[in-house]
């Protein structure tokens, strides 16, 4: 990555907050309970993202509403971009929710990305998430997942280098590539790749198992781990 890339951060599932105008969709006890689980947000991700942004001196854009209302990490045409309650609304109301919560957030980040890449400077986008240790009865043994597009050489090289550095810093840490999800699945970063060439845009999604980042101290610890690994990985790639 030459010249040095400008770094941008996003945390799409930072909050499980319910906007006042959508409160009626979450009156059911089951919906209120879901808000407190990984279905409502990515527990711990916001804390990791905020510390990482400070360490990297990088701007961070966070989601402000629960993904059970509108999922910012899904494309607007995705069948699950709206939560269960919202999907039952009339078409006009569904469109209004996307226009209010999804489209402006995506436009704001796209504008930040364009500004960061002014003059042809490459941009590195880190999208910060967390995942549950168990899903549908299946255990997920990895501690960290790095999601990327294998067809984009800068992303592949950076993900592999970061995994190497993370393992070197913390032996025993299980760092998986394109798990528990694949980096080319529908999401914010894959949507941005459609508009930015690999030489100008590198997008990596960092997934941390949420039972490892329950406390603020653990969130800060993982953020420091990621910052150190990222700097070392970028330095090694620059030398190569």
Protein backbone atom coordinates (compact mmCIF):
# COMPACT_ATOMS: atom_id res chain seq x y z
CA UNK A 1 0.00 0.00 0.00
CA UNK A 2 1.94 2.98 -1.26
CA UNK A 3 1.41 5.78 -0.45
CA UNK A 4 0.19 5.06 3.08
CA UNK A 5 -3.51 4.35 3.14
CA UNK A 6 -6.03 6.52 4.93
CA UNK A 7 -7.91 4.39 7.46
CA UNK A 8 -11.68 4.55 8.00
CA UNK A 9 -13.67 2.52 10.52
CA UNK A 10 -17.30 1.51 10.66
CA UNK A 11 -19.36 -0.38 13.22
CA UNK A 12 -22.67 -1.15 11.57
CA UNK A 13 -24.16 -3.04 14.53
CA UNK A 14 -22.91 -0.77 17.31
CA UNK A 15 -26.27 -0.22 19.03
CA UNK A 16 -29.44 -2.03 20.03
CA UNK A 17 -31.34 1.24 20.52
CA UNK A 18 -34.92 1.52 19.31
CA UNK A 19 -35.84 4.89 17.76
CA UNK A 20 -38.91 6.47 19.36
CA UNK A 21 -40.90 6.36 16.14
CA UNK A 22 -40.34 2.59 15.89
CA UNK A 23 -41.16 1.73 19.52
CA UNK A 24 -44.49 0.12 18.58
CA UNK A 25 -42.63 -2.59 16.66
CA UNK A 26 -40.89 -3.75 19.84
CA UNK A 27 -43.75 -3.94 22.33
CA UNK A 28 -43.84 -7.73 22.34
CA UNK A 29 -41.86 -9.33 25.14
CA UNK A 30 -40.05 -11.58 22.65
CA UNK A 31 -38.86 -8.57 20.67
CA UNK A 32 -37.64 -6.77 23.78
CA UNK A 33 -35.76 -9.90 24.79
CA UNK A 34 -34.21 -10.23 21.32
CA UNK A 35 -32.84 -6.71 21.58
CA UNK A 36 -30.58 -7.82 24.44
CA UNK A 37 -29.05 -10.67 22.43
CA UNK A 38 -26.69 -10.79 19.45
CA UNK A 39 -29.78 -10.53 17.26
CA UNK A 40 -30.24 -6.93 18.33
CA UNK A 41 -26.65 -5.76 17.92
CA UNK A 42 -23.02 -6.91 18.03
CA UNK A 43 -22.17 -6.96 21.75
CA UNK A 44 -18.74 -5.50 22.46
CA UNK A 45 -18.10 -4.34 18.90
CA UNK A 46 -18.64 -0.65 19.58
CA UNK A 47 -16.15 -0.65 22.45
CA UNK A 48 -13.52 -2.33 20.29
CA UNK A 49 -14.20 0.05 17.41
CA UNK A 50 -14.00 3.20 19.54
CA UNK A 51 -10.67 2.28 21.11
CA UNK A 52 -9.28 1.13 17.77
CA UNK A 53 -10.31 4.43 16.18
CA UNK A 54 -8.41 6.34 18.87
CA UNK A 55 -5.33 4.17 18.54
CA UNK A 56 -5.27 4.50 14.75
CA UNK A 57 -6.32 8.17 14.73
CA UNK A 58 -9.06 7.15 12.32
CA UNK A 59 -12.66 8.35 11.99
CA UNK A 60 -15.37 5.92 13.05
CA UNK A 61 -18.97 5.80 11.85
CA UNK A 62 -21.39 3.85 14.04
CA UNK A 63 -24.87 2.53 13.52
CA UNK A 64 -27.34 4.20 15.90
CA UNK A 65 -30.30 1.81 15.83
CA UNK A 66 -30.81 -1.91 16.36
CA UNK A 67 -30.37 -4.16 13.36
CA UNK A 68 -33.73 -5.69 14.29
CA UNK A 69 -35.14 -2.54 12.74
CA UNK A 70 -32.79 -1.94 9.79
CA UNK A 71 -29.57 -3.86 9.18
CA UNK A 72 -26.89 -1.49 7.90
CA UNK A 73 -24.67 -4.41 6.92
CA UNK A 74 -27.19 -5.72 4.39
CA UNK A 75 -27.97 -4.28 0.99
CA UNK A 76 -31.34 -2.49 0.66
CA UNK A 77 -32.62 -5.25 -1.62
CA UNK A 78 -31.67 -8.05 0.78
CA UNK A 79 -34.73 -9.95 2.05
CA UNK A 80 -33.57 -9.52 5.67
CA UNK A 81 -32.44 -5.91 5.57
CA UNK A 82 -35.47 -5.19 7.79
CA UNK A 83 -36.16 -6.99 11.04
CA UNK A 84 -39.03 -9.43 11.56
CA UNK A 85 -41.54 -6.84 12.80
CA UNK A 86 -40.62 -4.27 10.17
CA UNK A 87 -40.96 -6.79 7.33
CA UNK A 88 -44.66 -7.11 8.10
CA UNK A 89 -45.29 -3.39 7.51
CA UNK A 90 -46.90 -2.01 4.33
CA UNK A 91 -44.51 -1.40 1.46
CA UNK A 92 -44.62 2.38 1.90
CA UNK A 93 -43.60 2.06 5.56
CA UNK A 94 -40.79 -0.34 4.73
CA UNK A 95 -39.45 2.06 2.13
CA UNK A 96 -39.69 4.91 4.62
CA UNK A 97 -37.61 2.98 7.16
CA UNK A 98 -34.88 2.36 4.59
CA UNK A 99 -34.97 5.99 3.51
CA UNK A 100 -34.71 7.17 7.12
CA UNK A 101 -32.09 4.79 8.54
CA UNK A 102 -30.29 2.87 5.82
CA UNK A 103 -29.74 5.15 2.83
CA UNK A 104 -28.38 8.21 4.71
CA UNK A 105 -25.94 6.11 6.73
CA UNK A 106 -24.58 4.43 3.62
CA UNK A 107 -24.35 7.77 1.78
CA UNK A 108 -22.49 9.37 4.66
CA UNK A 109 -19.87 6.64 4.71
CA UNK A 110 -19.52 6.66 0.93
CA UNK A 111 -18.88 10.42 1.06
CA UNK A 112 -16.23 9.93 3.75
CA UNK A 113 -14.57 7.28 1.63
CA UNK A 114 -14.48 9.51 -1.43
CA UNK A 115 -13.02 12.38 0.58
CA UNK A 116 -10.39 10.12 2.15
CA UNK A 117 -9.32 8.92 -1.29
CA UNK A 118 -8.89 12.40 -2.75
CA UNK A 119 -5.85 12.61 -4.95
CA UNK A 120 -5.73 8.88 -5.55
CA UNK A 121 -4.73 8.02 -1.99
CA UNK A 122 -5.71 4.43 -1.13
CA UNK A 123 -8.23 3.84 1.65
CA UNK A 124 -8.27 0.99 4.17
CA UNK A 125 -11.73 0.35 5.60
CA UNK A 126 -12.07 -1.75 8.76
CA UNK A 127 -15.60 -2.85 9.61
CA UNK A 128 -15.82 -3.98 13.25
CA UNK A 129 -18.24 -6.73 14.32
CA UNK A 130 -18.70 -9.51 16.85
CA UNK A 131 -20.22 -12.97 16.57
CA UNK A 132 -21.90 -15.39 18.93
CA UNK A 133 -19.98 -18.53 20.04
CA UNK A 134 -22.97 -20.75 19.21
CA UNK A 135 -25.35 -20.44 16.27
CA UNK A 136 -28.17 -22.89 15.55
CA UNK A 137 -26.58 -25.41 17.90
CA UNK A 138 -23.19 -25.30 16.17
CA UNK A 139 -20.12 -24.20 18.11
CA UNK A 140 -17.80 -21.65 16.53
CA UNK A 141 -14.31 -22.39 17.84
CA UNK A 142 -12.46 -19.43 16.30
CA UNK A 143 -11.72 -16.38 18.44
CA UNK A 144 -11.32 -13.88 15.60
CA UNK A 145 -12.41 -13.86 11.98
CA UNK A 146 -10.91 -11.73 9.22
CA UNK A 147 -13.25 -11.37 6.24
CA UNK A 148 -12.00 -10.31 2.81
CA UNK A 149 -12.37 -10.96 -0.91
CA UNK A 150 -9.74 -13.52 -2.02
CA UNK A 151 -9.90 -12.16 -5.58
CA UNK A 152 -8.64 -8.74 -4.42
CA UNK A 153 -4.90 -9.16 -3.88
CA UNK A 154 -4.39 -6.27 -1.39
CA UNK A 155 -7.17 -7.63 0.83
CA UNK A 156 -5.87 -11.17 0.70
CA UNK A 157 -2.32 -10.07 1.50
CA UNK A 158 -3.40 -7.87 4.40
CA UNK A 159 -5.71 -10.49 5.93
CA UNK A 160 -2.98 -13.14 5.81
CA UNK A 161 -0.40 -10.75 7.26
CA UNK A 162 -2.76 -9.68 10.04
CA UNK A 163 -3.49 -13.29 10.95
CA UNK A 164 0.23 -13.95 11.17
CA UNK A 165 0.81 -10.93 13.40
CA UNK A 166 -2.15 -11.71 15.65
CA UNK A 167 -0.92 -15.25 16.18
CA UNK A 168 2.59 -14.00 16.91
CA UNK A 169 1.31 -11.54 19.51
CA UNK A 170 -1.00 -13.99 21.22
CA UNK A 171 -0.09 -17.66 20.73
CA UNK A 172 -3.15 -19.84 20.99
CA UNK A 173 -5.47 -17.22 19.50
CA UNK A 174 -7.55 -18.93 16.83
CA UNK A 175 -7.72 -16.52 13.90
CA UNK A 176 -9.78 -17.69 10.92
CA UNK A 177 -9.91 -16.30 7.40
CA UNK A 178 -13.39 -15.80 5.94
CA UNK A 179 -15.05 -17.43 8.92
CA UNK A 180 -17.55 -17.47 10.55
CA UNK A 181 -18.79 -15.66 7.41
CA UNK A 182 -17.36 -15.20 3.95
CA UNK A 183 -15.99 -11.81 2.98
CA UNK A 184 -17.87 -11.81 -0.32
CA UNK A 185 -21.30 -12.35 1.23
CA UNK A 186 -23.76 -9.48 1.08
CA UNK A 187 -22.62 -6.60 3.26
CA UNK A 188 -21.40 -3.02 3.50
CA UNK A 189 -17.84 -3.74 2.35
CA UNK A 190 -18.85 -5.91 -0.64
CA UNK A 191 -21.18 -3.11 -1.76
CA UNK A 192 -18.35 -0.59 -1.65
CA UNK A 193 -16.05 -2.88 -3.62
CA UNK A 194 -18.39 -2.52 -6.58
CA UNK A 195 -17.41 1.15 -6.88
CA UNK A 196 -13.73 1.15 -5.90
CA UNK A 197 -10.80 -0.65 -7.50
CA UNK A 198 -8.57 -2.91 -5.36
CA UNK A 199 -5.66 -0.48 -5.68
CA UNK A 200 -7.78 2.30 -4.15
CA UNK A 201 -9.96 0.47 -1.62
CA UNK A 202 -9.17 -2.35 0.78
CA UNK A 203 -12.00 -3.59 2.98
CA UNK A 204 -11.49 -5.97 5.90
CA UNK A 205 -14.22 -7.01 8.32
CA UNK A 206 -12.90 -7.90 11.78
CA UNK A 207 -15.12 -10.29 13.73
CA UNK A 208 -14.44 -10.96 17.43
CA UNK A 209 -16.25 -13.70 19.36
CA UNK A 210 -18.49 -11.77 21.68
CA UNK A 211 -17.88 -13.81 24.83
CA UNK A 212 -14.26 -12.60 24.69
CA UNK A 213 -15.16 -8.89 24.74
CA UNK A 214 -17.86 -8.63 27.38
CA UNK A 215 -15.97 -6.15 29.55
CA UNK A 216 -14.67 -2.71 28.63
CA UNK A 217 -11.18 -3.87 29.58
CA UNK A 218 -11.37 -6.82 27.18
CA UNK A 219 -12.63 -4.56 24.41
CA UNK A 220 -9.67 -2.23 24.90
CA UNK A 221 -7.30 -5.19 24.97
CA UNK A 222 -8.54 -6.56 21.64
CA UNK A 223 -8.46 -3.11 20.09
CA UNK A 224 -4.80 -2.74 21.10
CA UNK A 225 -4.12 -6.20 19.71
CA UNK A 226 -5.71 -5.29 16.38
CA UNK A 227 -3.92 -1.94 16.16
CA UNK A 228 -0.52 -3.49 16.79
CA UNK A 229 -1.15 -6.34 14.36
CA UNK A 230 -2.40 -3.98 11.68
CA UNK A 231 0.61 -1.69 11.93
CA UNK A 232 3.00 -4.63 11.81
CA UNK A 233 1.17 -6.16 8.86
CA UNK A 234 1.17 -2.91 6.89
CA UNK A 235 4.85 -2.41 7.63
CA UNK A 236 5.75 -5.90 6.45
CA UNK A 237 3.74 -5.47 3.25
CA UNK A 238 5.36 -2.11 2.56
CA UNK A 239 8.82 -3.68 2.87
CA UNK A 240 7.83 -6.51 0.56
